[in-house]
Amino acid sequence: MIDINLMRREKGRREAAPRRARRPGVSVKVPFNLTTLFIVVIVLLLVIVLGGIYINQTNTIQGLDSSIRKAEVERAQLQDKINLIQDLKQREDRLKVKFGVISDLDRNRFFSAHLLEEISKSLPDYCWVTALTETPGAISMEGSAFTNMTVAEFMDRLSSSPMFQNVELTSTERQATEGKQTIKFVLTASAVEASASAAKVEPVGPVAPAKGGK
């Protein structure tokens, strides 16, 4: 007769059952040491430092952009003022040129008037100036007189004037004027700009007596 022992199978089944109940999920163990911690800390520090640098640089760039915009606005305002100053300067220069031209014209006008007045004062009797040519610093006169002595007297008077220098006789010739023999002459001289006081001739008259005199 053969005996079959079923108790062991049940016991084996009962012992195997708890092992199946230990599998509710999968768990993985990660090895951990100080080196890994150090690397993580270094990475975090680098991220923090780089982030701070980025934020600082961003703020700096924004500040520079703001300063640039402000400087551009100020430059535009200053450029308007600069353009205005340059325009005023150009106007001033043009006015100076115009005033200079007017001053030269006035000076030449008064000088010519004084010149003619001095020539008229220097003319002796029976001597006439028929033509006058004026160039910068020099004059040429054509005239006529009855005698050579009259021409010489005219030259002496011109030489005595403060407005004439280097008076020279260029040419003389005899000619008939209204049936009378006259001498046609040409004189040259250097014209000197003299002050109004030097050009004027003091009138000759009786001297006023001093106070208390008889």
N, C-alpha and C. Protein backbone atom coordinates (compact mmCIF):
# COMPACT_ATOMS: atom_id res chain seq x y z
N MET A 1 0.85 -1.17 0.00
CA MET A 1 0.00 0.00 0.00
C MET A 1 0.90 1.23 0.00
N ILE A 2 0.51 2.20 -0.80
CA ILE A 2 1.34 3.42 -0.97
C ILE A 2 0.71 4.55 -0.18
N ASP A 3 1.57 5.28 0.68
CA ASP A 3 1.09 6.43 1.47
C ASP A 3 1.53 7.73 0.79
N ILE A 4 0.61 8.65 0.67
CA ILE A 4 0.92 9.99 0.06
C ILE A 4 0.77 11.04 1.15
N ASN A 5 1.83 11.74 1.36
CA ASN A 5 1.85 12.78 2.40
C ASN A 5 1.49 14.11 1.77
N LEU A 6 0.32 14.64 2.02
CA LEU A 6 -0.15 15.92 1.47
C LEU A 6 0.14 17.10 2.38
N MET A 7 0.58 16.91 3.54
CA MET A 7 0.82 17.99 4.49
C MET A 7 1.97 18.88 4.06
N ARG A 8 2.96 18.28 3.46
CA ARG A 8 4.12 19.08 3.05
C ARG A 8 3.77 20.06 1.94
N ARG A 9 2.94 19.61 1.06
CA ARG A 9 2.54 20.51 -0.02
C ARG A 9 1.76 21.71 0.50
N GLU A 10 0.86 21.42 1.43
CA GLU A 10 0.11 22.55 1.99
C GLU A 10 1.02 23.50 2.75
N LYS A 11 1.98 22.88 3.46
CA LYS A 11 2.91 23.72 4.19
C LYS A 11 3.77 24.54 3.27
N GLY A 12 4.18 23.92 2.18
CA GLY A 12 4.99 24.65 1.20
C GLY A 12 4.19 25.78 0.55
N ARG A 13 2.91 25.46 0.34
CA ARG A 13 2.09 26.51 -0.24
C ARG A 13 1.89 27.65 0.74
N ARG A 14 1.69 27.29 2.03
CA ARG A 14 1.51 28.33 3.04
C ARG A 14 2.77 29.17 3.20
N GLU A 15 3.92 28.53 3.08
CA GLU A 15 5.17 29.31 3.20
C GLU A 15 5.44 30.15 1.97
N ALA A 16 5.00 29.74 0.81
CA ALA A 16 5.25 30.48 -0.41
C ALA A 16 4.32 31.66 -0.56
N ALA A 17 3.18 31.61 0.06
CA ALA A 17 2.20 32.68 -0.09
C ALA A 17 2.71 34.01 0.43
N PRO A 18 3.33 34.06 1.60
CA PRO A 18 3.81 35.37 2.06
C PRO A 18 4.82 36.01 1.12
N ARG A 19 5.63 35.25 0.40
CA ARG A 19 6.60 35.85 -0.53
C ARG A 19 5.90 36.57 -1.65
N ARG A 20 4.80 36.05 -2.12
CA ARG A 20 4.08 36.74 -3.19
C ARG A 20 3.49 38.05 -2.69
N ALA A 21 3.13 38.14 -1.43
CA ALA A 21 2.53 39.36 -0.89
C ALA A 21 3.54 40.48 -0.72
N ARG A 22 4.85 40.23 -0.84
CA ARG A 22 5.89 41.26 -0.65
C ARG A 22 6.15 42.07 -1.91
N ARG A 23 5.40 41.92 -2.95
CA ARG A 23 5.65 42.65 -4.19
C ARG A 23 4.58 43.71 -4.47
N PRO A 24 4.36 44.68 -3.61
CA PRO A 24 3.39 45.72 -3.92
C PRO A 24 3.95 46.75 -4.90
N GLY A 25 5.29 46.94 -4.98
CA GLY A 25 5.91 47.91 -5.90
C GLY A 25 7.37 47.60 -6.07
N VAL A 26 8.07 48.52 -6.88
CA VAL A 26 9.49 48.34 -7.16
C VAL A 26 10.26 49.42 -6.43
N SER A 27 11.22 49.10 -5.65
CA SER A 27 12.06 50.05 -4.91
C SER A 27 13.49 49.92 -5.38
N VAL A 28 14.15 51.16 -5.66
CA VAL A 28 15.53 51.20 -6.15
C VAL A 28 16.36 51.96 -5.14
N LYS A 29 17.40 51.43 -4.71
CA LYS A 29 18.31 52.07 -3.78
C LYS A 29 19.43 52.78 -4.55
N VAL A 30 19.60 54.16 -4.31
CA VAL A 30 20.66 54.96 -4.96
C VAL A 30 21.83 55.09 -4.01
N PRO A 31 22.99 54.81 -4.48
CA PRO A 31 24.14 54.94 -3.59
C PRO A 31 24.41 56.41 -3.28
N PHE A 32 24.70 56.81 -2.08
CA PHE A 32 24.90 58.19 -1.64
C PHE A 32 26.21 58.28 -0.88
N ASN A 33 26.99 59.38 -1.23
CA ASN A 33 28.24 59.60 -0.52
C ASN A 33 28.54 61.10 -0.49
N LEU A 34 29.61 61.56 0.11
CA LEU A 34 29.98 62.97 0.28
C LEU A 34 30.37 63.63 -1.04
N THR A 35 30.94 62.87 -1.95
CA THR A 35 31.34 63.44 -3.25
C THR A 35 30.13 63.93 -4.02
N THR A 36 29.10 63.14 -4.01
CA THR A 36 27.86 63.54 -4.70
C THR A 36 27.28 64.80 -4.07
N LEU A 37 27.25 64.86 -2.76
CA LEU A 37 26.75 66.04 -2.07
C LEU A 37 27.57 67.28 -2.40
N PHE A 38 28.87 67.14 -2.44
CA PHE A 38 29.76 68.26 -2.76
C PHE A 38 29.49 68.77 -4.17
N ILE A 39 29.31 67.86 -5.13
CA ILE A 39 29.05 68.26 -6.51
C ILE A 39 27.72 69.01 -6.61
N VAL A 40 26.72 68.50 -5.90
CA VAL A 40 25.41 69.15 -5.94
C VAL A 40 25.49 70.56 -5.37
N VAL A 41 26.23 70.70 -4.24
CA VAL A 41 26.37 72.02 -3.63
C VAL A 41 27.10 72.97 -4.57
N ILE A 42 28.16 72.51 -5.22
CA ILE A 42 28.92 73.34 -6.16
C ILE A 42 28.03 73.79 -7.31
N VAL A 43 27.24 72.87 -7.84
CA VAL A 43 26.35 73.22 -8.96
C VAL A 43 25.34 74.28 -8.53
N LEU A 44 24.77 74.09 -7.34
CA LEU A 44 23.81 75.07 -6.85
C LEU A 44 24.46 76.44 -6.66
N LEU A 45 25.68 76.46 -6.11
CA LEU A 45 26.37 77.72 -5.92
C LEU A 45 26.66 78.40 -7.26
N LEU A 46 27.07 77.61 -8.25
CA LEU A 46 27.33 78.17 -9.57
C LEU A 46 26.06 78.76 -10.18
N VAL A 47 24.95 78.03 -10.01
CA VAL A 47 23.68 78.54 -10.53
C VAL A 47 23.30 79.84 -9.85
N ILE A 48 23.51 79.91 -8.52
CA ILE A 48 23.17 81.13 -7.79
C ILE A 48 24.07 82.30 -8.21
N VAL A 49 25.39 82.03 -8.33
CA VAL A 49 26.33 83.08 -8.71
C VAL A 49 26.04 83.58 -10.13
N LEU A 50 25.85 82.63 -11.06
CA LEU A 50 25.56 83.03 -12.44
C LEU A 50 24.24 83.78 -12.54
N GLY A 51 23.26 83.34 -11.76
CA GLY A 51 21.99 84.06 -11.76
C GLY A 51 22.15 85.47 -11.24
N GLY A 52 22.95 85.63 -10.14
CA GLY A 52 23.19 86.98 -9.62
C GLY A 52 23.92 87.86 -10.63
N ILE A 53 24.92 87.25 -11.30
CA ILE A 53 25.65 88.02 -12.32
C ILE A 53 24.72 88.42 -13.46
N TYR A 54 23.88 87.53 -13.90
CA TYR A 54 22.94 87.82 -14.98
C TYR A 54 21.99 88.95 -14.59
N ILE A 55 21.46 88.86 -13.36
CA ILE A 55 20.54 89.91 -12.90
C ILE A 55 21.26 91.25 -12.80
N ASN A 56 22.51 91.22 -12.28
CA ASN A 56 23.29 92.45 -12.15
C ASN A 56 23.58 93.06 -13.52
N GLN A 57 23.99 92.21 -14.46
CA GLN A 57 24.28 92.70 -15.81
C GLN A 57 23.03 93.23 -16.49
N THR A 58 21.91 92.57 -16.25
CA THR A 58 20.65 93.05 -16.84
C THR A 58 20.29 94.42 -16.30
N ASN A 59 20.42 94.58 -14.98
CA ASN A 59 20.13 95.89 -14.38
C ASN A 59 21.10 96.96 -14.89
N THR A 60 22.38 96.57 -15.04
CA THR A 60 23.37 97.53 -15.55
C THR A 60 23.04 97.95 -16.97
N ILE A 61 22.67 96.98 -17.80
CA ILE A 61 22.33 97.29 -19.20
C ILE A 61 21.10 98.18 -19.26
N GLN A 62 20.11 97.89 -18.45
CA GLN A 62 18.93 98.73 -18.43
C GLN A 62 19.26 100.15 -17.98
N GLY A 63 20.15 100.27 -16.96
CA GLY A 63 20.56 101.59 -16.52
C GLY A 63 21.31 102.35 -17.61
N LEU A 64 22.19 101.62 -18.33
CA LEU A 64 22.92 102.26 -19.42
C LEU A 64 21.99 102.69 -20.55
N ASP A 65 21.01 101.84 -20.86
CA ASP A 65 20.03 102.22 -21.90
C ASP A 65 19.27 103.47 -21.50
N SER A 66 18.89 103.54 -20.22
CA SER A 66 18.19 104.73 -19.75
C SER A 66 19.08 105.97 -19.83
N SER A 67 20.37 105.80 -19.45
CA SER A 67 21.30 106.93 -19.53
C SER A 67 21.52 107.36 -20.98
N ILE A 68 21.60 106.39 -21.88
CA ILE A 68 21.79 106.71 -23.30
C ILE A 68 20.60 107.48 -23.85
N ARG A 69 19.40 107.03 -23.51
CA ARG A 69 18.21 107.74 -23.97
C ARG A 69 18.16 109.16 -23.42
N LYS A 70 18.52 109.31 -22.14
CA LYS A 70 18.54 110.64 -21.54
C LYS A 70 19.59 111.51 -22.21
N ALA A 71 20.76 110.93 -22.47
CA ALA A 71 21.83 111.70 -23.13
C ALA A 71 21.42 112.10 -24.54
N GLU A 72 20.71 111.22 -25.25
CA GLU A 72 20.26 111.56 -26.59
C GLU A 72 19.26 112.71 -26.55
N VAL A 73 18.37 112.69 -25.57
CA VAL A 73 17.41 113.80 -25.43
C VAL A 73 18.15 115.11 -25.15
N GLU A 74 19.12 115.05 -24.22
CA GLU A 74 19.89 116.26 -23.89
C GLU A 74 20.71 116.72 -25.10
N ARG A 75 21.26 115.77 -25.85
CA ARG A 75 22.04 116.14 -27.03
C ARG A 75 21.16 116.82 -28.07
N ALA A 76 19.94 116.31 -28.25
CA ALA A 76 19.02 116.95 -29.19
C ALA A 76 18.70 118.37 -28.75
N GLN A 77 18.48 118.55 -27.44
CA GLN A 77 18.20 119.90 -26.94
C GLN A 77 19.41 120.81 -27.11
N LEU A 78 20.60 120.29 -26.78
CA LEU A 78 21.81 121.09 -26.93
C LEU A 78 22.10 121.38 -28.40
N GLN A 79 21.77 120.42 -29.29
CA GLN A 79 22.02 120.64 -30.70
C GLN A 79 21.19 121.80 -31.23
N ASP A 80 19.96 121.91 -30.75
CA ASP A 80 19.12 123.06 -31.15
C ASP A 80 19.78 124.36 -30.70
N LYS A 81 20.29 124.38 -29.46
CA LYS A 81 20.96 125.58 -28.97
C LYS A 81 22.23 125.86 -29.76
N ILE A 82 22.98 124.80 -30.07
CA ILE A 82 24.21 124.96 -30.84
C ILE A 82 23.89 125.53 -32.22
N ASN A 83 22.85 124.99 -32.87
CA ASN A 83 22.46 125.50 -34.19
C ASN A 83 22.05 126.97 -34.11
N LEU A 84 21.34 127.33 -33.03
CA LEU A 84 20.93 128.72 -32.85
C LEU A 84 22.15 129.62 -32.67
N ILE A 85 23.12 129.16 -31.84
CA ILE A 85 24.33 129.95 -31.61
C ILE A 85 25.13 130.11 -32.91
N GLN A 86 25.23 129.02 -33.69
CA GLN A 86 25.96 129.10 -34.95
C GLN A 86 25.27 130.05 -35.92
N ASP A 87 23.94 130.00 -35.95
CA ASP A 87 23.20 130.91 -36.83
C ASP A 87 23.42 132.36 -36.41
N LEU A 88 23.38 132.61 -35.09
CA LEU A 88 23.62 133.97 -34.61
C LEU A 88 25.05 134.42 -34.92
N LYS A 89 26.00 133.49 -34.80
CA LYS A 89 27.39 133.81 -35.11
C LYS A 89 27.56 134.17 -36.57
N GLN A 90 26.89 133.41 -37.45
CA GLN A 90 26.97 133.71 -38.88
C GLN A 90 26.34 135.07 -39.19
N ARG A 91 25.21 135.36 -38.52
CA ARG A 91 24.60 136.67 -38.72
C ARG A 91 25.52 137.79 -38.24
N GLU A 92 26.16 137.54 -37.09
CA GLU A 92 27.10 138.55 -36.56
C GLU A 92 28.24 138.78 -37.53
N ASP A 93 28.78 137.68 -38.10
CA ASP A 93 29.88 137.83 -39.05
C ASP A 93 29.43 138.61 -40.29
N ARG A 94 28.21 138.30 -40.78
CA ARG A 94 27.71 139.03 -41.95
C ARG A 94 27.52 140.52 -41.63
N LEU A 95 27.01 140.79 -40.42
CA LEU A 95 26.83 142.19 -40.03
C LEU A 95 28.18 142.90 -39.92
N LYS A 96 29.19 142.19 -39.38
CA LYS A 96 30.51 142.80 -39.27
C LYS A 96 31.06 143.14 -40.65
N VAL A 97 30.85 142.22 -41.62
CA VAL A 97 31.32 142.49 -42.98
C VAL A 97 30.61 143.71 -43.55
N LYS A 98 29.28 143.77 -43.35
CA LYS A 98 28.52 144.91 -43.87
C LYS A 98 28.96 146.21 -43.20
N PHE A 99 29.12 146.16 -41.87
CA PHE A 99 29.57 147.36 -41.17
C PHE A 99 30.96 147.77 -41.61
N GLY A 100 31.82 146.77 -41.88
CA GLY A 100 33.15 147.09 -42.37
C GLY A 100 33.12 147.79 -43.73
N VAL A 101 32.24 147.27 -44.61
CA VAL A 101 32.11 147.90 -45.93
C VAL A 101 31.58 149.32 -45.79
N ILE A 102 30.55 149.48 -44.94
CA ILE A 102 29.99 150.82 -44.74
C ILE A 102 31.03 151.76 -44.13
N SER A 103 31.81 151.24 -43.17
CA SER A 103 32.85 152.06 -42.55
C SER A 103 33.90 152.48 -43.57
N ASP A 104 34.28 151.52 -44.43
CA ASP A 104 35.27 151.86 -45.47
C ASP A 104 34.71 152.91 -46.42
N LEU A 105 33.43 152.75 -46.80
CA LEU A 105 32.83 153.74 -47.70
C LEU A 105 32.78 155.12 -47.05
N ASP A 106 32.38 155.14 -45.77
CA ASP A 106 32.33 156.43 -45.08
C ASP A 106 33.72 157.04 -44.98
N ARG A 107 34.72 156.19 -44.62
CA ARG A 107 36.07 156.72 -44.48
C ARG A 107 36.58 157.25 -45.82
N ASN A 108 36.34 156.47 -46.89
CA ASN A 108 36.79 156.92 -48.20
C ASN A 108 36.05 158.17 -48.64
N ARG A 109 34.75 158.24 -48.28
CA ARG A 109 33.98 159.41 -48.67
C ARG A 109 34.50 160.66 -47.98
N PHE A 110 34.71 160.56 -46.68
CA PHE A 110 35.22 161.72 -45.95
C PHE A 110 36.65 162.05 -46.36
N PHE A 111 37.44 161.00 -46.62
CA PHE A 111 38.81 161.25 -47.05
C PHE A 111 38.84 161.95 -48.39
N SER A 112 37.98 161.50 -49.31
CA SER A 112 37.94 162.16 -50.62
C SER A 112 37.47 163.61 -50.48
N ALA A 113 36.49 163.82 -49.59
CA ALA A 113 36.03 165.18 -49.39
C ALA A 113 37.14 166.07 -48.83
N HIS A 114 37.88 165.55 -47.85
CA HIS A 114 39.00 166.31 -47.29
C HIS A 114 40.09 166.54 -48.34
N LEU A 115 40.27 165.53 -49.19
CA LEU A 115 41.29 165.64 -50.23
C LEU A 115 40.95 166.78 -51.19
N LEU A 116 39.70 166.79 -51.64
CA LEU A 116 39.28 167.85 -52.56
C LEU A 116 39.34 169.21 -51.88
N GLU A 117 38.96 169.26 -50.61
CA GLU A 117 39.02 170.53 -49.89
C GLU A 117 40.45 171.03 -49.78
N GLU A 118 41.38 170.13 -49.52
CA GLU A 118 42.78 170.53 -49.39
C GLU A 118 43.35 170.97 -50.72
N ILE A 119 42.97 170.30 -51.80
CA ILE A 119 43.43 170.72 -53.13
C ILE A 119 42.90 172.10 -53.46
N SER A 120 41.62 172.32 -53.14
CA SER A 120 41.02 173.62 -53.41
C SER A 120 41.72 174.73 -52.63
N LYS A 121 42.09 174.44 -51.37
CA LYS A 121 42.78 175.45 -50.56
C LYS A 121 44.19 175.72 -51.08
N SER A 122 44.77 174.70 -51.70
CA SER A 122 46.17 174.85 -52.16
C SER A 122 46.27 175.52 -53.52
N LEU A 123 45.17 175.66 -54.24
CA LEU A 123 45.24 176.26 -55.57
C LEU A 123 45.55 177.76 -55.50
N PRO A 124 46.58 178.21 -56.20
CA PRO A 124 46.84 179.66 -56.27
C PRO A 124 45.89 180.32 -57.28
N ASP A 125 45.97 181.61 -57.35
CA ASP A 125 45.14 182.32 -58.33
C ASP A 125 45.57 181.94 -59.75
N TYR A 126 44.58 181.90 -60.61
CA TYR A 126 44.80 181.61 -62.02
C TYR A 126 45.43 180.22 -62.24
N CYS A 127 44.97 179.29 -61.42
CA CYS A 127 45.39 177.88 -61.57
C CYS A 127 44.14 177.03 -61.38
N TRP A 128 43.96 176.07 -62.27
CA TRP A 128 42.75 175.24 -62.23
C TRP A 128 43.11 173.76 -62.35
N VAL A 129 42.37 172.92 -61.66
CA VAL A 129 42.51 171.47 -61.78
C VAL A 129 41.33 170.98 -62.61
N THR A 130 41.64 170.37 -63.76
CA THR A 130 40.59 169.93 -64.68
C THR A 130 40.26 168.45 -64.57
N ALA A 131 41.14 167.66 -63.99
CA ALA A 131 40.89 166.22 -63.87
C ALA A 131 41.64 165.69 -62.66
N LEU A 132 41.01 164.73 -61.99
CA LEU A 132 41.63 164.16 -60.78
C LEU A 132 41.38 162.65 -60.79
N THR A 133 42.46 161.89 -60.68
CA THR A 133 42.36 160.43 -60.63
C THR A 133 42.92 159.96 -59.29
N GLU A 134 42.09 159.22 -58.54
CA GLU A 134 42.50 158.77 -57.21
C GLU A 134 42.61 157.25 -57.21
N THR A 135 43.73 156.75 -56.74
CA THR A 135 43.96 155.33 -56.54
C THR A 135 44.38 155.15 -55.09
N PRO A 136 44.33 153.92 -54.56
CA PRO A 136 44.73 153.72 -53.15
C PRO A 136 46.13 154.24 -52.87
N GLY A 137 46.20 155.31 -52.10
CA GLY A 137 47.48 155.88 -51.68
C GLY A 137 48.12 156.83 -52.66
N ALA A 138 47.47 157.12 -53.80
CA ALA A 138 48.09 158.02 -54.78
C ALA A 138 47.01 158.75 -55.55
N ILE A 139 47.38 159.93 -56.06
CA ILE A 139 46.47 160.72 -56.89
C ILE A 139 47.24 161.28 -58.07
N SER A 140 46.49 161.56 -59.13
CA SER A 140 47.07 162.22 -60.31
C SER A 140 46.14 163.37 -60.68
N MET A 141 46.73 164.56 -60.89
CA MET A 141 45.95 165.76 -61.20
C MET A 141 46.39 166.35 -62.52
N GLU A 142 45.41 166.72 -63.30
CA GLU A 142 45.65 167.47 -64.52
C GLU A 142 45.06 168.86 -64.34
N GLY A 143 45.76 169.87 -64.82
CA GLY A 143 45.28 171.23 -64.68
C GLY A 143 45.94 172.16 -65.65
N SER A 144 45.64 173.42 -65.48
CA SER A 144 46.22 174.43 -66.36
C SER A 144 46.47 175.70 -65.55
N ALA A 145 47.46 176.46 -65.99
CA ALA A 145 47.83 177.73 -65.35
C ALA A 145 48.44 178.62 -66.40
N PHE A 146 48.60 179.89 -66.05
CA PHE A 146 49.15 180.83 -67.03
C PHE A 146 50.68 180.79 -67.08
N THR A 147 51.32 180.49 -65.93
CA THR A 147 52.77 180.52 -65.89
C THR A 147 53.30 179.29 -65.16
N ASN A 148 54.56 179.01 -65.38
CA ASN A 148 55.22 177.92 -64.66
C ASN A 148 55.38 178.25 -63.19
N MET A 149 55.51 179.53 -62.87
CA MET A 149 55.61 179.92 -61.47
C MET A 149 54.34 179.56 -60.69
N THR A 150 53.21 179.69 -61.35
CA THR A 150 51.95 179.34 -60.70
C THR A 150 51.90 177.84 -60.42
N VAL A 151 52.38 177.06 -61.38
CA VAL A 151 52.42 175.60 -61.19
C VAL A 151 53.35 175.24 -60.04
N ALA A 152 54.51 175.89 -59.98
CA ALA A 152 55.47 175.63 -58.89
C ALA A 152 54.88 176.03 -57.55
N GLU A 153 54.16 177.14 -57.50
CA GLU A 153 53.53 177.55 -56.25
C GLU A 153 52.48 176.53 -55.80
N PHE A 154 51.73 176.00 -56.76
CA PHE A 154 50.73 174.97 -56.45
C PHE A 154 51.40 173.72 -55.86
N MET A 155 52.53 173.31 -56.44
CA MET A 155 53.26 172.15 -55.94
C MET A 155 53.79 172.40 -54.53
N ASP A 156 54.28 173.63 -54.26
CA ASP A 156 54.78 173.95 -52.92
C ASP A 156 53.65 173.88 -51.89
N ARG A 157 52.50 174.39 -52.24
CA ARG A 157 51.38 174.35 -51.30
C ARG A 157 50.93 172.91 -51.03
N LEU A 158 50.91 172.11 -52.07
CA LEU A 158 50.53 170.70 -51.87
C LEU A 158 51.55 169.99 -50.97
N SER A 159 52.83 170.29 -51.17
CA SER A 159 53.87 169.64 -50.35
C SER A 159 53.77 170.06 -48.89
N SER A 160 53.27 171.28 -48.65
CA SER A 160 53.13 171.76 -47.27
C SER A 160 51.90 171.17 -46.58
N SER A 161 51.01 170.57 -47.33
CA SER A 161 49.80 169.99 -46.75
C SER A 161 50.12 168.65 -46.10
N PRO A 162 49.49 168.32 -44.95
CA PRO A 162 49.74 167.01 -44.32
C PRO A 162 49.10 165.84 -45.08
N MET A 163 48.30 166.14 -46.10
CA MET A 163 47.62 165.07 -46.83
C MET A 163 48.35 164.65 -48.09
N PHE A 164 49.45 165.34 -48.45
CA PHE A 164 50.16 165.03 -49.69
C PHE A 164 51.65 164.87 -49.41
N GLN A 165 52.22 163.89 -50.07
CA GLN A 165 53.67 163.66 -50.02
C GLN A 165 54.15 163.33 -51.42
N ASN A 166 55.45 163.51 -51.63
CA ASN A 166 56.09 163.14 -52.90
C ASN A 166 55.38 163.79 -54.10
N VAL A 167 55.15 165.08 -54.00
CA VAL A 167 54.51 165.80 -55.10
C VAL A 167 55.51 165.96 -56.24
N GLU A 168 55.15 165.50 -57.42
CA GLU A 168 56.06 165.54 -58.57
C GLU A 168 55.31 166.06 -59.79
N LEU A 169 56.08 166.76 -60.63
CA LEU A 169 55.53 167.26 -61.89
C LEU A 169 55.85 166.22 -62.98
N THR A 170 54.79 165.68 -63.57
CA THR A 170 54.99 164.63 -64.58
C THR A 170 55.21 165.21 -65.96
N SER A 171 54.42 166.18 -66.33
CA SER A 171 54.57 166.76 -67.67
C SER A 171 53.95 168.15 -67.70
N THR A 172 54.45 168.96 -68.63
CA THR A 172 53.87 170.28 -68.92
C THR A 172 53.90 170.50 -70.43
N GLU A 173 52.92 171.24 -70.89
CA GLU A 173 52.90 171.61 -72.32
C GLU A 173 52.05 172.87 -72.48
N ARG A 174 52.42 173.63 -73.46
CA ARG A 174 51.69 174.87 -73.74
C ARG A 174 50.49 174.54 -74.63
N GLN A 175 49.39 175.26 -74.36
CA GLN A 175 48.21 175.08 -75.18
C GLN A 175 47.43 176.39 -75.22
N ALA A 176 46.57 176.50 -76.21
CA ALA A 176 45.75 177.70 -76.37
C ALA A 176 44.38 177.45 -75.77
N THR A 177 43.97 178.29 -74.82
CA THR A 177 42.67 178.17 -74.18
C THR A 177 41.93 179.48 -74.36
N GLU A 178 40.86 179.46 -75.18
CA GLU A 178 40.06 180.64 -75.47
C GLU A 178 40.95 181.76 -76.01
N GLY A 179 41.86 181.39 -76.88
CA GLY A 179 42.73 182.37 -77.52
C GLY A 179 43.89 182.82 -76.68
N LYS A 180 44.08 182.24 -75.49
CA LYS A 180 45.18 182.63 -74.61
C LYS A 180 46.10 181.43 -74.41
N GLN A 181 47.38 181.72 -74.29
CA GLN A 181 48.36 180.67 -74.06
C GLN A 181 48.37 180.27 -72.57
N THR A 182 48.17 178.99 -72.32
CA THR A 182 48.22 178.45 -70.96
C THR A 182 49.15 177.25 -70.92
N ILE A 183 49.44 176.83 -69.72
CA ILE A 183 50.32 175.67 -69.53
C ILE A 183 49.49 174.53 -68.94
N LYS A 184 49.45 173.45 -69.67
CA LYS A 184 48.77 172.24 -69.18
C LYS A 184 49.80 171.40 -68.42
N PHE A 185 49.45 171.00 -67.21
CA PHE A 185 50.40 170.25 -66.38
C PHE A 185 49.73 168.98 -65.82
N VAL A 186 50.58 168.04 -65.44
CA VAL A 186 50.13 166.80 -64.79
C VAL A 186 50.99 166.60 -63.56
N LEU A 187 50.33 166.47 -62.39
CA LEU A 187 51.03 166.27 -61.12
C LEU A 187 50.63 164.91 -60.54
N THR A 188 51.58 164.31 -59.85
CA THR A 188 51.30 163.09 -59.08
C THR A 188 51.73 163.30 -57.64
N ALA A 189 51.06 162.65 -56.72
CA ALA A 189 51.39 162.78 -55.30
C ALA A 189 50.87 161.56 -54.55
N SER A 190 51.45 161.35 -53.39
CA SER A 190 50.98 160.29 -52.50
C SER A 190 49.96 160.88 -51.54
N ALA A 191 48.80 160.23 -51.44
CA ALA A 191 47.75 160.71 -50.54
C ALA A 191 47.91 160.04 -49.18
N VAL A 192 47.87 160.85 -48.14
CA VAL A 192 48.05 160.37 -46.77
C VAL A 192 46.77 160.63 -46.01
N GLU A 193 46.26 159.60 -45.31
CA GLU A 193 45.07 159.78 -44.49
C GLU A 193 45.47 160.54 -43.23
N ALA A 194 45.03 161.72 -43.14
CA ALA A 194 45.31 162.55 -41.97
C ALA A 194 44.04 162.68 -41.15
N SER A 195 44.21 162.96 -39.87
CA SER A 195 43.04 163.15 -39.02
C SER A 195 42.33 164.44 -39.41
N ALA A 196 41.11 164.58 -38.97
CA ALA A 196 40.33 165.76 -39.32
C ALA A 196 40.99 167.03 -38.79
N SER A 197 41.58 166.89 -37.61
CA SER A 197 42.21 168.07 -37.03
C SER A 197 43.46 168.47 -37.81
N ALA A 198 44.21 167.47 -38.31
CA ALA A 198 45.41 167.78 -39.08
C ALA A 198 45.06 168.33 -40.44
N ALA A 199 43.90 167.88 -40.98
CA ALA A 199 43.53 168.32 -42.31
C ALA A 199 42.97 169.73 -42.31
N LYS A 200 42.45 170.15 -41.16
CA LYS A 200 41.86 171.48 -41.10
C LYS A 200 42.95 172.55 -41.01
N VAL A 201 42.66 173.66 -41.56
CA VAL A 201 43.58 174.79 -41.49
C VAL A 201 42.98 175.81 -40.55
N GLU A 202 43.74 176.21 -39.55
CA GLU A 202 43.25 177.17 -38.58
C GLU A 202 43.08 178.53 -39.24
N PRO A 203 41.96 179.19 -39.01
CA PRO A 203 41.76 180.52 -39.61
C PRO A 203 42.73 181.53 -39.03
N VAL A 204 43.15 182.42 -39.90
CA VAL A 204 44.09 183.46 -39.49
C VAL A 204 43.29 184.72 -39.18
N GLY A 205 43.49 185.29 -38.04
CA GLY A 205 42.73 186.48 -37.67
C GLY A 205 43.42 187.17 -36.51
N PRO A 206 42.83 188.23 -36.05
CA PRO A 206 43.47 188.95 -34.93
C PRO A 206 43.42 188.14 -33.66
N VAL A 207 44.47 188.20 -32.91
CA VAL A 207 44.59 187.44 -31.66
C VAL A 207 43.79 188.15 -30.59
N ALA A 208 42.96 187.39 -29.88
CA ALA A 208 42.14 187.99 -28.82
C ALA A 208 43.04 188.41 -27.67
N PRO A 209 42.81 189.58 -27.11
CA PRO A 209 43.67 190.01 -25.98
C PRO A 209 43.41 189.20 -24.75
N ALA A 210 44.40 189.02 -23.95
CA ALA A 210 44.26 188.27 -22.72
C ALA A 210 43.43 189.06 -21.73
N LYS A 211 42.89 188.38 -20.77
CA LYS A 211 42.06 189.02 -19.77
C LYS A 211 42.92 190.02 -18.96
N GLY A 212 42.38 191.17 -18.83
CA GLY A 212 43.09 192.18 -18.07
C GLY A 212 44.03 193.01 -18.92
N GLY A 213 44.20 192.62 -20.21
CA GLY A 213 45.07 193.39 -21.09
C GLY A 213 44.37 194.57 -21.67
N LYS A 214 45.10 195.44 -22.32
CA LYS A 214 44.53 196.63 -22.91
C LYS A 214 44.35 196.42 -24.40
